[in-house]
Amino acid sequence: MPAPSNPGTTGTWPAWRRALPTAVLALGAAGAALVLSRLNPFANHSVLPPCPIRALTGLYCPGCGSTRCLYALLHADPALALSMNPLLALSLPLLGLMALNAAGWRPAWLSPLMRQLARPKPWLVVLVGFAVLRNLPLYPFTLLAPG
């Protein structure tokens, strides 16, 4: 069997390769839903690990509160999810669109947005900016800290 060709050449990716990002996303979401339906990250002595960056430095990373955010979304509490990690809660629809795009769903009307979302520099600026802002001890920015 010949090796799959690269998407930029004359051939196309095989169907299983196009479906791989969607399958990984679906399995990850199912696994997270299973874990979060059984384990409560808000409980004292939870078996879920704390954020290693927070444990080592005392600072909130961009991902701090993500487990509790996903738990809140899984239990239909968007207000709690926004208070745990507003960046994750607001970017989940965009991440879902990016996964669908990677799986081959590419409607023409969505192409300009996908081109912008595929650029890494804006994501880096947002992530670093979010990490800095949520660690500032001033009122509006303290709302970005988990919980």
C-alpha atoms as a PDB file:
ATOM      1  CA  MET A   1       0.000   0.000   0.000  1.00  0.00           C
ATOM      2  CA  PRO A   2       1.496   3.375  -0.935  1.00  0.00           C
ATOM      3  CA  ALA A   3       2.159   5.932   1.783  1.00  0.00           C
ATOM      4  CA  PRO A   4      -0.472   8.649   2.148  1.00  0.00           C
ATOM      5  CA  SER A   5       0.406  11.799   0.310  1.00  0.00           C
ATOM      6  CA  ASN A   6       0.697  15.196   1.929  1.00  0.00           C
ATOM      7  CA  PRO A   7      -2.297  17.515   1.614  1.00  0.00           C
ATOM      8  CA  GLY A   8      -0.303  20.091  -0.352  1.00  0.00           C
ATOM      9  CA  THR A   9       0.566  17.659  -3.139  1.00  0.00           C
ATOM     10  CA  THR A  10      -1.536  16.155  -5.909  1.00  0.00           C
ATOM     11  CA  GLY A  11      -2.965  13.349  -3.717  1.00  0.00           C
ATOM     12  CA  THR A  12      -5.342  13.558  -0.775  1.00  0.00           C
ATOM     13  CA  TRP A  13      -5.324  12.269   2.778  1.00  0.00           C
ATOM     14  CA  PRO A  14      -7.095   8.930   3.270  1.00  0.00           C
ATOM     15  CA  ALA A  15     -10.480   9.094   4.974  1.00  0.00           C
ATOM     16  CA  TRP A  16      -9.222   7.583   8.256  1.00  0.00           C
ATOM     17  CA  ARG A  17      -6.523  10.270   8.454  1.00  0.00           C
ATOM     18  CA  ARG A  18      -9.035  13.091   7.930  1.00  0.00           C
ATOM     19  CA  ALA A  19     -11.284  11.638  10.620  1.00  0.00           C
ATOM     20  CA  LEU A  20      -8.470  11.207  13.154  1.00  0.00           C
ATOM     21  CA  PRO A  21      -8.717  14.692  14.777  1.00  0.00           C
ATOM     22  CA  THR A  22     -12.456  14.289  15.226  1.00  0.00           C
ATOM     23  CA  ALA A  23     -12.048  10.804  16.685  1.00  0.00           C
ATOM     24  CA  VAL A  24      -9.371  11.993  19.112  1.00  0.00           C
ATOM     25  CA  LEU A  25     -11.542  14.963  20.122  1.00  0.00           C
ATOM     26  CA  ALA A  26     -14.588  12.729  20.606  1.00  0.00           C
ATOM     27  CA  LEU A  27     -12.647  10.175  22.653  1.00  0.00           C
ATOM     28  CA  GLY A  28     -11.086  12.920  24.752  1.00  0.00           C
ATOM     29  CA  ALA A  29     -14.443  14.558  25.358  1.00  0.00           C
ATOM     30  CA  ALA A  30     -16.028  11.213  26.261  1.00  0.00           C
ATOM     31  CA  GLY A  31     -13.152  10.398  28.616  1.00  0.00           C
ATOM     32  CA  ALA A  32     -13.316  13.820  30.246  1.00  0.00           C
ATOM     33  CA  ALA A  33     -17.085  13.544  30.631  1.00  0.00           C
ATOM     34  CA  LEU A  34     -16.716  10.128  32.233  1.00  0.00           C
ATOM     35  CA  VAL A  35     -14.015  11.296  34.632  1.00  0.00           C
ATOM     36  CA  LEU A  36     -15.786  14.531  35.504  1.00  0.00           C
ATOM     37  CA  SER A  37     -19.124  12.789  36.021  1.00  0.00           C
ATOM     38  CA  ARG A  38     -17.490  10.525  38.621  1.00  0.00           C
ATOM     39  CA  LEU A  39     -14.996  12.910  40.224  1.00  0.00           C
ATOM     40  CA  ASN A  40     -15.733  16.314  41.690  1.00  0.00           C
ATOM     41  CA  PRO A  41     -12.786  18.725  41.382  1.00  0.00           C
ATOM     42  CA  PHE A  42     -14.446  21.010  43.955  1.00  0.00           C
ATOM     43  CA  ALA A  43     -14.430  18.334  46.679  1.00  0.00           C
ATOM     44  CA  ASN A  44     -11.863  18.420  49.466  1.00  0.00           C
ATOM     45  CA  HIS A  45      -9.146  15.822  48.948  1.00  0.00           C
ATOM     46  CA  SER A  46     -10.058  15.340  45.267  1.00  0.00           C
ATOM     47  CA  VAL A  47      -7.930  12.753  43.485  1.00  0.00           C
ATOM     48  CA  LEU A  48      -7.602  15.107  40.510  1.00  0.00           C
ATOM     49  CA  PRO A  49      -4.135  16.678  40.514  1.00  0.00           C
ATOM     50  CA  PRO A  50      -3.666  20.400  41.172  1.00  0.00           C
ATOM     51  CA  CYS A  51      -2.051  22.662  38.597  1.00  0.00           C
ATOM     52  CA  PRO A  52       1.714  22.038  38.727  1.00  0.00           C
ATOM     53  CA  ILE A  53       2.538  25.634  37.770  1.00  0.00           C
ATOM     54  CA  ARG A  54       0.335  26.983  40.559  1.00  0.00           C
ATOM     55  CA  ALA A  55       1.854  24.494  43.015  1.00  0.00           C
ATOM     56  CA  LEU A  56       5.428  25.455  42.057  1.00  0.00           C
ATOM     57  CA  THR A  57       5.127  29.212  41.552  1.00  0.00           C
ATOM     58  CA  GLY A  58       1.915  30.306  43.261  1.00  0.00           C
ATOM     59  CA  LEU A  59       0.816  31.941  40.003  1.00  0.00           C
ATOM     60  CA  TYR A  60      -2.217  31.112  37.901  1.00  0.00           C
ATOM     61  CA  CYS A  61      -1.385  29.728  34.457  1.00  0.00           C
ATOM     62  CA  PRO A  62      -3.806  30.163  31.514  1.00  0.00           C
ATOM     63  CA  GLY A  63      -5.127  26.655  32.207  1.00  0.00           C
ATOM     64  CA  CYS A  64      -5.755  27.049  35.936  1.00  0.00           C
ATOM     65  CA  GLY A  65      -9.385  26.260  36.666  1.00  0.00           C
ATOM     66  CA  SER A  66      -9.876  24.321  33.420  1.00  0.00           C
ATOM     67  CA  THR A  67     -10.915  21.095  35.149  1.00  0.00           C
ATOM     68  CA  ARG A  68     -13.447  22.929  37.289  1.00  0.00           C
ATOM     69  CA  CYS A  69     -14.608  24.901  34.232  1.00  0.00           C
ATOM     70  CA  LEU A  70     -15.245  21.710  32.259  1.00  0.00           C
ATOM     71  CA  TYR A  71     -16.929  20.124  35.287  1.00  0.00           C
ATOM     72  CA  ALA A  72     -19.257  23.127  35.551  1.00  0.00           C
ATOM     73  CA  LEU A  73     -20.069  23.007  31.831  1.00  0.00           C
ATOM     74  CA  LEU A  74     -20.725  19.285  32.057  1.00  0.00           C
ATOM     75  CA  HIS A  75     -23.172  20.005  34.874  1.00  0.00           C
ATOM     76  CA  ALA A  76     -24.858  22.866  32.931  1.00  0.00           C
ATOM     77  CA  ASP A  77     -23.530  25.742  35.040  1.00  0.00           C
ATOM     78  CA  PRO A  78     -22.085  28.288  32.577  1.00  0.00           C
ATOM     79  CA  ALA A  79     -21.765  31.039  35.201  1.00  0.00           C
ATOM     80  CA  LEU A  80     -19.555  28.833  37.368  1.00  0.00           C
ATOM     81  CA  ALA A  81     -17.581  27.766  34.294  1.00  0.00           C
ATOM     82  CA  LEU A  82     -16.915  31.406  33.400  1.00  0.00           C
ATOM     83  CA  SER A  83     -15.737  32.117  36.935  1.00  0.00           C
ATOM     84  CA  MET A  84     -13.296  29.190  36.866  1.00  0.00           C
ATOM     85  CA  ASN A  85     -11.630  29.846  33.484  1.00  0.00           C
ATOM     86  CA  PRO A  86     -13.325  32.436  31.275  1.00  0.00           C
ATOM     87  CA  LEU A  87     -10.828  31.983  28.454  1.00  0.00           C
ATOM     88  CA  LEU A  88     -11.533  28.265  28.130  1.00  0.00           C
ATOM     89  CA  ALA A  89     -15.288  28.690  28.492  1.00  0.00           C
ATOM     90  CA  LEU A  90     -15.383  31.320  25.752  1.00  0.00           C
ATOM     91  CA  SER A  91     -12.930  29.611  23.397  1.00  0.00           C
ATOM     92  CA  LEU A  92     -14.480  26.116  23.429  1.00  0.00           C
ATOM     93  CA  PRO A  93     -16.759  26.867  20.437  1.00  0.00           C
ATOM     94  CA  LEU A  94     -13.736  28.111  18.463  1.00  0.00           C
ATOM     95  CA  LEU A  95     -11.730  25.030  19.413  1.00  0.00           C
ATOM     96  CA  GLY A  96     -14.641  22.854  18.270  1.00  0.00           C
ATOM     97  CA  LEU A  97     -14.736  24.655  14.908  1.00  0.00           C
ATOM     98  CA  MET A  98     -10.988  24.169  14.555  1.00  0.00           C
ATOM     99  CA  ALA A  99     -11.382  20.431  15.228  1.00  0.00           C
ATOM    100  CA  LEU A 100     -14.154  20.172  12.629  1.00  0.00           C
ATOM    101  CA  ASN A 101     -11.964  22.065  10.160  1.00  0.00           C
ATOM    102  CA  ALA A 102      -9.089  19.661  10.811  1.00  0.00           C
ATOM    103  CA  ALA A 103     -11.483  16.771  10.191  1.00  0.00           C
ATOM    104  CA  GLY A 104     -12.355  18.119   6.756  1.00  0.00           C
ATOM    105  CA  TRP A 105     -15.518  20.161   7.358  1.00  0.00           C
ATOM    106  CA  ARG A 106     -14.663  23.378   5.529  1.00  0.00           C
ATOM    107  CA  PRO A 107     -17.648  25.481   4.454  1.00  0.00           C
ATOM    108  CA  ALA A 108     -16.636  28.465   2.351  1.00  0.00           C
ATOM    109  CA  TRP A 109     -18.281  31.010   4.664  1.00  0.00           C
ATOM    110  CA  LEU A 110     -16.043  29.818   7.527  1.00  0.00           C
ATOM    111  CA  SER A 111     -12.731  30.053   5.635  1.00  0.00           C
ATOM    112  CA  PRO A 112     -11.804  33.633   6.680  1.00  0.00           C
ATOM    113  CA  LEU A 113     -12.329  32.766  10.358  1.00  0.00           C
ATOM    114  CA  MET A 114     -10.361  29.531  10.058  1.00  0.00           C
ATOM    115  CA  ARG A 115      -7.436  31.377   8.474  1.00  0.00           C
ATOM    116  CA  GLN A 116      -7.342  33.701  11.478  1.00  0.00           C
ATOM    117  CA  LEU A 117      -7.746  30.907  14.034  1.00  0.00           C
ATOM    118  CA  ALA A 118      -4.903  28.929  12.449  1.00  0.00           C
ATOM    119  CA  ARG A 119      -2.413  31.704  13.165  1.00  0.00           C
ATOM    120  CA  PRO A 120      -0.378  30.863  16.304  1.00  0.00           C
ATOM    121  CA  LYS A 121       0.784  34.377  17.246  1.00  0.00           C
ATOM    122  CA  PRO A 122      -2.646  35.718  18.289  1.00  0.00           C
ATOM    123  CA  TRP A 123      -3.213  32.593  20.416  1.00  0.00           C
ATOM    124  CA  LEU A 124       0.170  33.113  22.072  1.00  0.00           C
ATOM    125  CA  VAL A 125      -0.602  36.767  22.794  1.00  0.00           C
ATOM    126  CA  VAL A 126      -4.008  35.867  24.239  1.00  0.00           C
ATOM    127  CA  LEU A 127      -2.627  33.058  26.410  1.00  0.00           C
ATOM    128  CA  VAL A 128       0.294  35.072  27.791  1.00  0.00           C
ATOM    129  CA  GLY A 129      -1.872  38.166  28.234  1.00  0.00           C
ATOM    130  CA  PHE A 130      -4.535  36.154  30.040  1.00  0.00           C
ATOM    131  CA  ALA A 131      -1.914  34.607  32.337  1.00  0.00           C
ATOM    132  CA  VAL A 132      -0.487  38.026  33.212  1.00  0.00           C
ATOM    133  CA  LEU A 133      -3.858  39.714  33.717  1.00  0.00           C
ATOM    134  CA  ARG A 134      -5.332  36.986  35.924  1.00  0.00           C
ATOM    135  CA  ASN A 135      -2.384  37.308  38.309  1.00  0.00           C
ATOM    136  CA  LEU A 136      -2.719  41.075  38.805  1.00  0.00           C
ATOM    137  CA  PRO A 137      -4.074  41.922  42.279  1.00  0.00           C
ATOM    138  CA  LEU A 138      -6.350  44.702  40.979  1.00  0.00           C
ATOM    139  CA  TYR A 139     -10.144  44.491  41.039  1.00  0.00           C
ATOM    140  CA  PRO A 140     -11.263  43.843  37.491  1.00  0.00           C
ATOM    141  CA  PHE A 141      -8.419  41.418  36.898  1.00  0.00           C
ATOM    142  CA  THR A 142      -9.062  39.398  40.046  1.00  0.00           C
ATOM    143  CA  LEU A 143     -12.275  38.238  38.359  1.00  0.00           C
ATOM    144  CA  LEU A 144     -10.099  36.296  35.893  1.00  0.00           C
ATOM    145  CA  ALA A 145      -8.592  34.152  38.677  1.00  0.00           C
ATOM    146  CA  PRO A 146     -10.276  30.791  39.282  1.00  0.00           C
ATOM    147  CA  GLY A 147     -13.147  30.711  41.672  1.00  0.00           C
END
